[in-house]
Amino acid sequence: MLNDLNKVPKPMITEDMREQIEREFMHSMQNKEEILISYYRDGIVHDMYINVLHIEPMMRTVYCTDAFGLNTEFKFDELVNIY
């Protein structure tokens, strides 16, 4: 019940922001650079430092490692910002 109080609606993403996110993912993957992203999951916006390993356009999924070297993945629709 208390967890529901912290939930927020999913932020709207403009087409420009979506293109910027895609460019930064490509840059991170090509240069093996860490980036900070925000993603929306289960009603909460989370921030995470990642290194992009692979982008699968057909599955609309980004495969990456987090700051601890653990493998994780995100759907394109979960991503809300990049810094």
PDB file of N, CA and C in Angstrom:
ATOM      1  N   MET A   1       0.817  -1.191   0.000  1.00  0.00           N
ATOM      2  CA  MET A   1       0.000   0.000   0.000  1.00  0.00           C
ATOM      3  C   MET A   1       0.865   1.261   0.000  1.00  0.00           C
ATOM      4  N   LEU A   2       1.876   1.323   0.859  1.00  0.00           N
ATOM      5  CA  LEU A   2       2.749   2.495   0.904  1.00  0.00           C
ATOM      6  C   LEU A   2       3.545   2.653  -0.373  1.00  0.00           C
ATOM      7  N   ASN A   3       3.905   1.536  -1.015  1.00  0.00           N
ATOM      8  CA  ASN A   3       4.655   1.620  -2.267  1.00  0.00           C
ATOM      9  C   ASN A   3       3.855   2.331  -3.349  1.00  0.00           C
ATOM     10  N   ASP A   4       2.540   2.186  -3.329  1.00  0.00           N
ATOM     11  CA  ASP A   4       1.700   2.850  -4.320  1.00  0.00           C
ATOM     12  C   ASP A   4       1.748   4.361  -4.184  1.00  0.00           C
ATOM     13  N   LEU A   5       2.031   4.873  -2.995  1.00  0.00           N
ATOM     14  CA  LEU A   5       2.102   6.317  -2.781  1.00  0.00           C
ATOM     15  C   LEU A   5       3.294   6.936  -3.497  1.00  0.00           C
ATOM     16  N   ASN A   6       4.347   6.173  -3.707  1.00  0.00           N
ATOM     17  CA  ASN A   6       5.554   6.682  -4.360  1.00  0.00           C
ATOM     18  C   ASN A   6       5.491   6.599  -5.880  1.00  0.00           C
ATOM     19  N   LYS A   7       4.487   5.952  -6.408  1.00  0.00           N
ATOM     20  CA  LYS A   7       4.400   5.768  -7.860  1.00  0.00           C
ATOM     21  C   LYS A   7       4.001   7.072  -8.543  1.00  0.00           C
ATOM     22  N   VAL A   8       4.576   7.262  -9.725  1.00  0.00           N
ATOM     23  CA  VAL A   8       4.304   8.458 -10.519  1.00  0.00           C
ATOM     24  C   VAL A   8       3.914   8.026 -11.927  1.00  0.00           C
ATOM     25  N   PRO A   9       3.204   8.893 -12.656  1.00  0.00           N
ATOM     26  CA  PRO A   9       2.902   8.559 -14.050  1.00  0.00           C
ATOM     27  C   PRO A   9       4.175   8.572 -14.889  1.00  0.00           C
ATOM     28  N   LYS A  10       4.171   7.810 -15.955  1.00  0.00           N
ATOM     29  CA  LYS A  10       5.342   7.753 -16.832  1.00  0.00           C
ATOM     30  C   LYS A  10       5.552   9.108 -17.509  1.00  0.00           C
ATOM     31  N   PRO A  11       6.781   9.648 -17.440  1.00  0.00           N
ATOM     32  CA  PRO A  11       7.064  10.918 -18.121  1.00  0.00           C
ATOM     33  C   PRO A  11       6.920  10.769 -19.632  1.00  0.00           C
ATOM     34  N   MET A  12       6.447  11.822 -20.266  1.00  0.00           N
ATOM     35  CA  MET A  12       6.308  11.835 -21.721  1.00  0.00           C
ATOM     36  C   MET A  12       7.666  12.130 -22.348  1.00  0.00           C
ATOM     37  N   ILE A  13       7.981  11.442 -23.431  1.00  0.00           N
ATOM     38  CA  ILE A  13       9.254  11.604 -24.129  1.00  0.00           C
ATOM     39  C   ILE A  13       8.981  12.203 -25.507  1.00  0.00           C
ATOM     40  N   THR A  14       9.667  13.305 -25.810  1.00  0.00           N
ATOM     41  CA  THR A  14       9.526  13.904 -27.138  1.00  0.00           C
ATOM     42  C   THR A  14      10.360  13.116 -28.141  1.00  0.00           C
ATOM     43  N   GLU A  15      10.076  13.315 -29.401  1.00  0.00           N
ATOM     44  CA  GLU A  15      10.847  12.652 -30.455  1.00  0.00           C
ATOM     45  C   GLU A  15      12.304  13.108 -30.416  1.00  0.00           C
ATOM     46  N   ASP A  16      12.540  14.387 -30.110  1.00  0.00           N
ATOM     47  CA  ASP A  16      13.915  14.893 -29.994  1.00  0.00           C
ATOM     48  C   ASP A  16      14.672  14.182 -28.877  1.00  0.00           C
ATOM     49  N   MET A  17      14.011  13.981 -27.731  1.00  0.00           N
ATOM     50  CA  MET A  17      14.649  13.297 -26.610  1.00  0.00           C
ATOM     51  C   MET A  17      14.934  11.846 -26.980  1.00  0.00           C
ATOM     52  N   ARG A  18      14.014  11.204 -27.672  1.00  0.00           N
ATOM     53  CA  ARG A  18      14.212   9.814 -28.092  1.00  0.00           C
ATOM     54  C   ARG A  18      15.438   9.706 -29.011  1.00  0.00           C
ATOM     55  N   GLU A  19      15.573  10.649 -29.930  1.00  0.00           N
ATOM     56  CA  GLU A  19      16.728  10.651 -30.831  1.00  0.00           C
ATOM     57  C   GLU A  19      18.021  10.908 -30.071  1.00  0.00           C
ATOM     58  N   GLN A  20      17.978  11.804 -29.081  1.00  0.00           N
ATOM     59  CA  GLN A  20      19.170  12.072 -28.272  1.00  0.00           C
ATOM     60  C   GLN A  20      19.577  10.822 -27.493  1.00  0.00           C
ATOM     61  N   ILE A  21      18.619  10.118 -26.936  1.00  0.00           N
ATOM     62  CA  ILE A  21      18.902   8.882 -26.202  1.00  0.00           C
ATOM     63  C   ILE A  21      19.564   7.867 -27.129  1.00  0.00           C
ATOM     64  N   GLU A  22      19.036   7.713 -28.330  1.00  0.00           N
ATOM     65  CA  GLU A  22      19.615   6.763 -29.288  1.00  0.00           C
ATOM     66  C   GLU A  22      21.048   7.146 -29.651  1.00  0.00           C
ATOM     67  N   ARG A  23      21.295   8.440 -29.876  1.00  0.00           N
ATOM     68  CA  ARG A  23      22.656   8.894 -30.205  1.00  0.00           C
ATOM     69  C   ARG A  23      23.629   8.618 -29.063  1.00  0.00           C
ATOM     70  N   GLU A  24      23.199   8.896 -27.837  1.00  0.00           N
ATOM     71  CA  GLU A  24      24.067   8.666 -26.679  1.00  0.00           C
ATOM     72  C   GLU A  24      24.335   7.177 -26.471  1.00  0.00           C
ATOM     73  N   PHE A  25      23.352   6.332 -26.743  1.00  0.00           N
ATOM     74  CA  PHE A  25      23.569   4.887 -26.652  1.00  0.00           C
ATOM     75  C   PHE A  25      24.610   4.431 -27.659  1.00  0.00           C
ATOM     76  N   MET A  26      24.491   4.918 -28.880  1.00  0.00           N
ATOM     77  CA  MET A  26      25.472   4.557 -29.912  1.00  0.00           C
ATOM     78  C   MET A  26      26.866   5.037 -29.514  1.00  0.00           C
ATOM     79  N   HIS A  27      26.948   6.250 -28.991  1.00  0.00           N
ATOM     80  CA  HIS A  27      28.237   6.801 -28.567  1.00  0.00           C
ATOM     81  C   HIS A  27      28.830   5.962 -27.431  1.00  0.00           C
ATOM     82  N   SER A  28      28.009   5.599 -26.450  1.00  0.00           N
ATOM     83  CA  SER A  28      28.473   4.778 -25.329  1.00  0.00           C
ATOM     84  C   SER A  28      28.967   3.425 -25.814  1.00  0.00           C
ATOM     85  N   MET A  29      28.232   2.821 -26.746  1.00  0.00           N
ATOM     86  CA  MET A  29      28.608   1.503 -27.248  1.00  0.00           C
ATOM     87  C   MET A  29      29.908   1.574 -28.046  1.00  0.00           C
ATOM     88  N   GLN A  30      30.045   2.563 -28.919  1.00  0.00           N
ATOM     89  CA  GLN A  30      31.224   2.668 -29.772  1.00  0.00           C
ATOM     90  C   GLN A  30      32.478   3.045 -28.994  1.00  0.00           C
ATOM     91  N   ASN A  31      32.326   3.911 -27.984  1.00  0.00           N
ATOM     92  CA  ASN A  31      33.485   4.411 -27.242  1.00  0.00           C
ATOM     93  C   ASN A  31      33.666   3.760 -25.876  1.00  0.00           C
ATOM     94  N   LYS A  32      32.776   2.815 -25.560  1.00  0.00           N
ATOM     95  CA  LYS A  32      32.827   2.114 -24.271  1.00  0.00           C
ATOM     96  C   LYS A  32      32.840   3.108 -23.103  1.00  0.00           C
ATOM     97  N   GLU A  33      31.968   4.109 -23.197  1.00  0.00           N
ATOM     98  CA  GLU A  33      31.863   5.138 -22.167  1.00  0.00           C
ATOM     99  C   GLU A  33      30.611   4.931 -21.323  1.00  0.00           C
ATOM    100  N   GLU A  34      30.738   5.226 -20.043  1.00  0.00           N
ATOM    101  CA  GLU A  34      29.625   5.118 -19.114  1.00  0.00           C
ATOM    102  C   GLU A  34      28.691   6.321 -19.280  1.00  0.00           C
ATOM    103  N   ILE A  35      27.396   6.065 -19.214  1.00  0.00           N
ATOM    104  CA  ILE A  35      26.406   7.137 -19.284  1.00  0.00           C
ATOM    105  C   ILE A  35      25.401   6.966 -18.147  1.00  0.00           C
ATOM    106  N   LEU A  36      24.749   8.053 -17.791  1.00  0.00           N
ATOM    107  CA  LEU A  36      23.710   8.028 -16.764  1.00  0.00           C
ATOM    108  C   LEU A  36      22.358   8.106 -17.456  1.00  0.00           C
ATOM    109  N   ILE A  37      21.504   7.143 -17.165  1.00  0.00           N
ATOM    110  CA  ILE A  37      20.166   7.125 -17.756  1.00  0.00           C
ATOM    111  C   ILE A  37      19.110   7.175 -16.657  1.00  0.00           C
ATOM    112  N   SER A  38      17.918   7.577 -17.047  1.00  0.00           N
ATOM    113  CA  SER A  38      16.732   7.447 -16.201  1.00  0.00           C
ATOM    114  C   SER A  38      15.771   6.528 -16.934  1.00  0.00           C
ATOM    115  N   TYR A  39      15.193   5.602 -16.195  1.00  0.00           N
ATOM    116  CA  TYR A  39      14.222   4.685 -16.796  1.00  0.00           C
ATOM    117  C   TYR A  39      13.023   4.538 -15.872  1.00  0.00           C
ATOM    118  N   TYR A  40      11.899   4.215 -16.463  1.00  0.00           N
ATOM    119  CA  TYR A  40      10.637   4.103 -15.743  1.00  0.00           C
ATOM    120  C   TYR A  40      10.230   2.643 -15.685  1.00  0.00           C
ATOM    121  N   ARG A  41      10.047   2.156 -14.454  1.00  0.00           N
ATOM    122  CA  ARG A  41       9.648   0.757 -14.273  1.00  0.00           C
ATOM    123  C   ARG A  41       8.776   0.651 -13.022  1.00  0.00           C
ATOM    124  N   ASP A  42       7.653   0.012 -13.150  1.00  0.00           N
ATOM    125  CA  ASP A  42       6.740  -0.232 -12.026  1.00  0.00           C
ATOM    126  C   ASP A  42       6.317   1.047 -11.306  1.00  0.00           C
ATOM    127  N   GLY A  43       6.118   2.128 -12.067  1.00  0.00           N
ATOM    128  CA  GLY A  43       5.614   3.359 -11.477  1.00  0.00           C
ATOM    129  C   GLY A  43       6.661   4.248 -10.836  1.00  0.00           C
ATOM    130  N   ILE A  44       7.935   3.908 -10.985  1.00  0.00           N
ATOM    131  CA  ILE A  44       9.017   4.682 -10.364  1.00  0.00           C
ATOM    132  C   ILE A  44      10.079   4.987 -11.405  1.00  0.00           C
ATOM    133  N   VAL A  45      10.616   6.216 -11.365  1.00  0.00           N
ATOM    134  CA  VAL A  45      11.724   6.596 -12.237  1.00  0.00           C
ATOM    135  C   VAL A  45      13.021   6.305 -11.494  1.00  0.00           C
ATOM    136  N   HIS A  46      13.883   5.508 -12.110  1.00  0.00           N
ATOM    137  CA  HIS A  46      15.166   5.125 -11.526  1.00  0.00           C
ATOM    138  C   HIS A  46      16.297   5.755 -12.336  1.00  0.00           C
ATOM    139  N   ASP A  47      17.419   6.024 -11.683  1.00  0.00           N
ATOM    140  CA  ASP A  47      18.635   6.479 -12.364  1.00  0.00           C
ATOM    141  C   ASP A  47      19.689   5.390 -12.244  1.00  0.00           C
ATOM    142  N   MET A  48      20.499   5.218 -13.311  1.00  0.00           N
ATOM    143  CA  MET A  48      21.529   4.184 -13.288  1.00  0.00           C
ATOM    144  C   MET A  48      22.650   4.545 -14.256  1.00  0.00           C
ATOM    145  N   TYR A  49      23.884   4.314 -13.813  1.00  0.00           N
ATOM    146  CA  TYR A  49      25.038   4.433 -14.700  1.00  0.00           C
ATOM    147  C   TYR A  49      25.199   3.115 -15.443  1.00  0.00           C
ATOM    148  N   ILE A  50      25.365   3.201 -16.764  1.00  0.00           N
ATOM    149  CA  ILE A  50      25.501   1.988 -17.572  1.00  0.00           C
ATOM    150  C   ILE A  50      26.568   2.159 -18.645  1.00  0.00           C
ATOM    151  N   ASN A  51      27.048   1.030 -19.160  1.00  0.00           N
ATOM    152  CA  ASN A  51      27.850   0.954 -20.380  1.00  0.00           C
ATOM    153  C   ASN A  51      27.056   0.105 -21.360  1.00  0.00           C
ATOM    154  N   VAL A  52      26.764   0.660 -22.527  1.00  0.00           N
ATOM    155  CA  VAL A  52      25.967  -0.056 -23.525  1.00  0.00           C
ATOM    156  C   VAL A  52      26.837  -1.107 -24.206  1.00  0.00           C
ATOM    157  N   LEU A  53      26.352  -2.348 -24.230  1.00  0.00           N
ATOM    158  CA  LEU A  53      27.055  -3.452 -24.878  1.00  0.00           C
ATOM    159  C   LEU A  53      26.502  -3.733 -26.268  1.00  0.00           C
ATOM    160  N   HIS A  54      25.175  -3.712 -26.375  1.00  0.00           N
ATOM    161  CA  HIS A  54      24.525  -4.116 -27.625  1.00  0.00           C
ATOM    162  C   HIS A  54      23.134  -3.502 -27.683  1.00  0.00           C
ATOM    163  N   ILE A  55      22.730  -3.109 -28.871  1.00  0.00           N
ATOM    164  CA  ILE A  55      21.379  -2.600 -29.096  1.00  0.00           C
ATOM    165  C   ILE A  55      20.697  -3.535 -30.082  1.00  0.00           C
ATOM    166  N   GLU A  56      19.535  -4.032 -29.708  1.00  0.00           N
ATOM    167  CA  GLU A  56      18.762  -4.945 -30.553  1.00  0.00           C
ATOM    168  C   GLU A  56      17.502  -4.219 -31.032  1.00  0.00           C
ATOM    169  N   PRO A  57      17.570  -3.599 -32.231  1.00  0.00           N
ATOM    170  CA  PRO A  57      16.437  -2.792 -32.701  1.00  0.00           C
ATOM    171  C   PRO A  57      15.142  -3.585 -32.891  1.00  0.00           C
ATOM    172  N   MET A  58      15.228  -4.809 -33.353  1.00  0.00           N
ATOM    173  CA  MET A  58      14.017  -5.601 -33.589  1.00  0.00           C
ATOM    174  C   MET A  58      13.285  -5.915 -32.282  1.00  0.00           C
ATOM    175  N   MET A  59      14.048  -6.156 -31.226  1.00  0.00           N
ATOM    176  CA  MET A  59      13.458  -6.441 -29.914  1.00  0.00           C
ATOM    177  C   MET A  59      13.229  -5.157 -29.120  1.00  0.00           C
ATOM    178  N   ARG A  60      13.717  -4.025 -29.658  1.00  0.00           N
ATOM    179  CA  ARG A  60      13.637  -2.722 -28.993  1.00  0.00           C
ATOM    180  C   ARG A  60      14.225  -2.795 -27.587  1.00  0.00           C
ATOM    181  N   THR A  61      15.434  -3.401 -27.511  1.00  0.00           N
ATOM    182  CA  THR A  61      16.095  -3.656 -26.235  1.00  0.00           C
ATOM    183  C   THR A  61      17.537  -3.182 -26.276  1.00  0.00           C
ATOM    184  N   VAL A  62      17.991  -2.631 -25.147  1.00  0.00           N
ATOM    185  CA  VAL A  62      19.383  -2.222 -24.973  1.00  0.00           C
ATOM    186  C   VAL A  62      19.995  -3.143 -23.925  1.00  0.00           C
ATOM    187  N   TYR A  63      21.109  -3.778 -24.270  1.00  0.00           N
ATOM    188  CA  TYR A  63      21.830  -4.647 -23.342  1.00  0.00           C
ATOM    189  C   TYR A  63      23.038  -3.875 -22.835  1.00  0.00           C
ATOM    190  N   CYS A  64      23.271  -3.926 -21.527  1.00  0.00           N
ATOM    191  CA  CYS A  64      24.339  -3.116 -20.952  1.00  0.00           C
ATOM    192  C   CYS A  64      24.836  -3.738 -19.649  1.00  0.00           C
ATOM    193  N   THR A  65      25.887  -3.121 -19.110  1.00  0.00           N
ATOM    194  CA  THR A  65      26.354  -3.467 -17.771  1.00  0.00           C
ATOM    195  C   THR A  65      26.152  -2.249 -16.890  1.00  0.00           C
ATOM    196  N   ASP A  66      25.873  -2.498 -15.618  1.00  0.00           N
ATOM    197  CA  ASP A  66      25.704  -1.387 -14.688  1.00  0.00           C
ATOM    198  C   ASP A  66      27.045  -1.023 -14.061  1.00  0.00           C
ATOM    199  N   ALA A  67      27.036  -0.115 -13.107  1.00  0.00           N
ATOM    200  CA  ALA A  67      28.269   0.365 -12.483  1.00  0.00           C
ATOM    201  C   ALA A  67      29.020  -0.748 -11.748  1.00  0.00           C
ATOM    202  N   PHE A  68      28.337  -1.835 -11.419  1.00  0.00           N
ATOM    203  CA  PHE A  68      28.965  -2.951 -10.718  1.00  0.00           C
ATOM    204  C   PHE A  68      29.391  -4.064 -11.669  1.00  0.00           C
ATOM    205  N   GLY A  69      29.209  -3.859 -12.969  1.00  0.00           N
ATOM    206  CA  GLY A  69      29.593  -4.854 -13.961  1.00  0.00           C
ATOM    207  C   GLY A  69      28.556  -5.941 -14.185  1.00  0.00           C
ATOM    208  N   LEU A  70      27.359  -5.756 -13.647  1.00  0.00           N
ATOM    209  CA  LEU A  70      26.294  -6.750 -13.808  1.00  0.00           C
ATOM    210  C   LEU A  70      25.525  -6.491 -15.101  1.00  0.00           C
ATOM    211  N   ASN A  71      25.194  -7.543 -15.815  1.00  0.00           N
ATOM    212  CA  ASN A  71      24.437  -7.410 -17.061  1.00  0.00           C
ATOM    213  C   ASN A  71      22.988  -7.056 -16.761  1.00  0.00           C
ATOM    214  N   THR A  72      22.467  -6.144 -17.539  1.00  0.00           N
ATOM    215  CA  THR A  72      21.064  -5.754 -17.417  1.00  0.00           C
ATOM    216  C   THR A  72      20.552  -5.344 -18.787  1.00  0.00           C
ATOM    217  N   GLU A  73      19.260  -5.182 -18.899  1.00  0.00           N
ATOM    218  CA  GLU A  73      18.685  -4.782 -20.178  1.00  0.00           C
ATOM    219  C   GLU A  73      17.506  -3.857 -19.938  1.00  0.00           C
ATOM    220  N   PHE A  74      17.241  -3.029 -20.943  1.00  0.00           N
ATOM    221  CA  PHE A  74      16.134  -2.083 -20.901  1.00  0.00           C
ATOM    222  C   PHE A  74      15.388  -2.136 -22.217  1.00  0.00           C
ATOM    223  N   LYS A  75      14.092  -2.030 -22.144  1.00  0.00           N
ATOM    224  CA  LYS A  75      13.272  -1.839 -23.341  1.00  0.00           C
ATOM    225  C   LYS A  75      13.313  -0.354 -23.681  1.00  0.00           C
ATOM    226  N   PHE A  76      13.283  -0.039 -24.966  1.00  0.00           N
ATOM    227  CA  PHE A  76      13.313   1.361 -25.396  1.00  0.00           C
ATOM    228  C   PHE A  76      12.217   2.168 -24.698  1.00  0.00           C
ATOM    229  N   ASP A  77      11.055   1.570 -24.518  1.00  0.00           N
ATOM    230  CA  ASP A  77       9.919   2.286 -23.936  1.00  0.00           C
ATOM    231  C   ASP A  77      10.115   2.637 -22.462  1.00  0.00           C
ATOM    232  N   GLU A  78      11.061   1.988 -21.783  1.00  0.00           N
ATOM    233  CA  GLU A  78      11.309   2.278 -20.372  1.00  0.00           C
ATOM    234  C   GLU A  78      12.181   3.516 -20.176  1.00  0.00           C
ATOM    235  N   LEU A  79      12.941   3.889 -21.182  1.00  0.00           N
ATOM    236  CA  LEU A  79      13.918   4.969 -21.049  1.00  0.00           C
ATOM    237  C   LEU A  79      13.234   6.326 -21.105  1.00  0.00           C
ATOM    238  N   VAL A  80      13.593   7.201 -20.145  1.00  0.00           N
ATOM    239  CA  VAL A  80      12.948   8.514 -20.095  1.00  0.00           C
ATOM    240  C   VAL A  80      13.925   9.679 -20.189  1.00  0.00           C
ATOM    241  N   ASN A  81      15.211   9.464 -19.883  1.00  0.00           N
ATOM    242  CA  ASN A  81      16.178  10.557 -19.980  1.00  0.00           C
ATOM    243  C   ASN A  81      17.593  10.000 -19.992  1.00  0.00           C
ATOM    244  N   ILE A  82      18.502  10.839 -20.455  1.00  0.00           N
ATOM    245  CA  ILE A  82      19.918  10.488 -20.498  1.00  0.00           C
ATOM    246  C   ILE A  82      20.698  11.744 -20.167  1.00  0.00           C
ATOM    247  N   TYR A  83      21.802  11.591 -19.428  1.00  0.00           N
ATOM    248  CA  TYR A  83      22.582  12.756 -18.977  1.00  0.00           C
ATOM    249  C   TYR A  83      23.994  12.692 -19.506  1.00  0.00           C
TER     250      TYR A  83
END
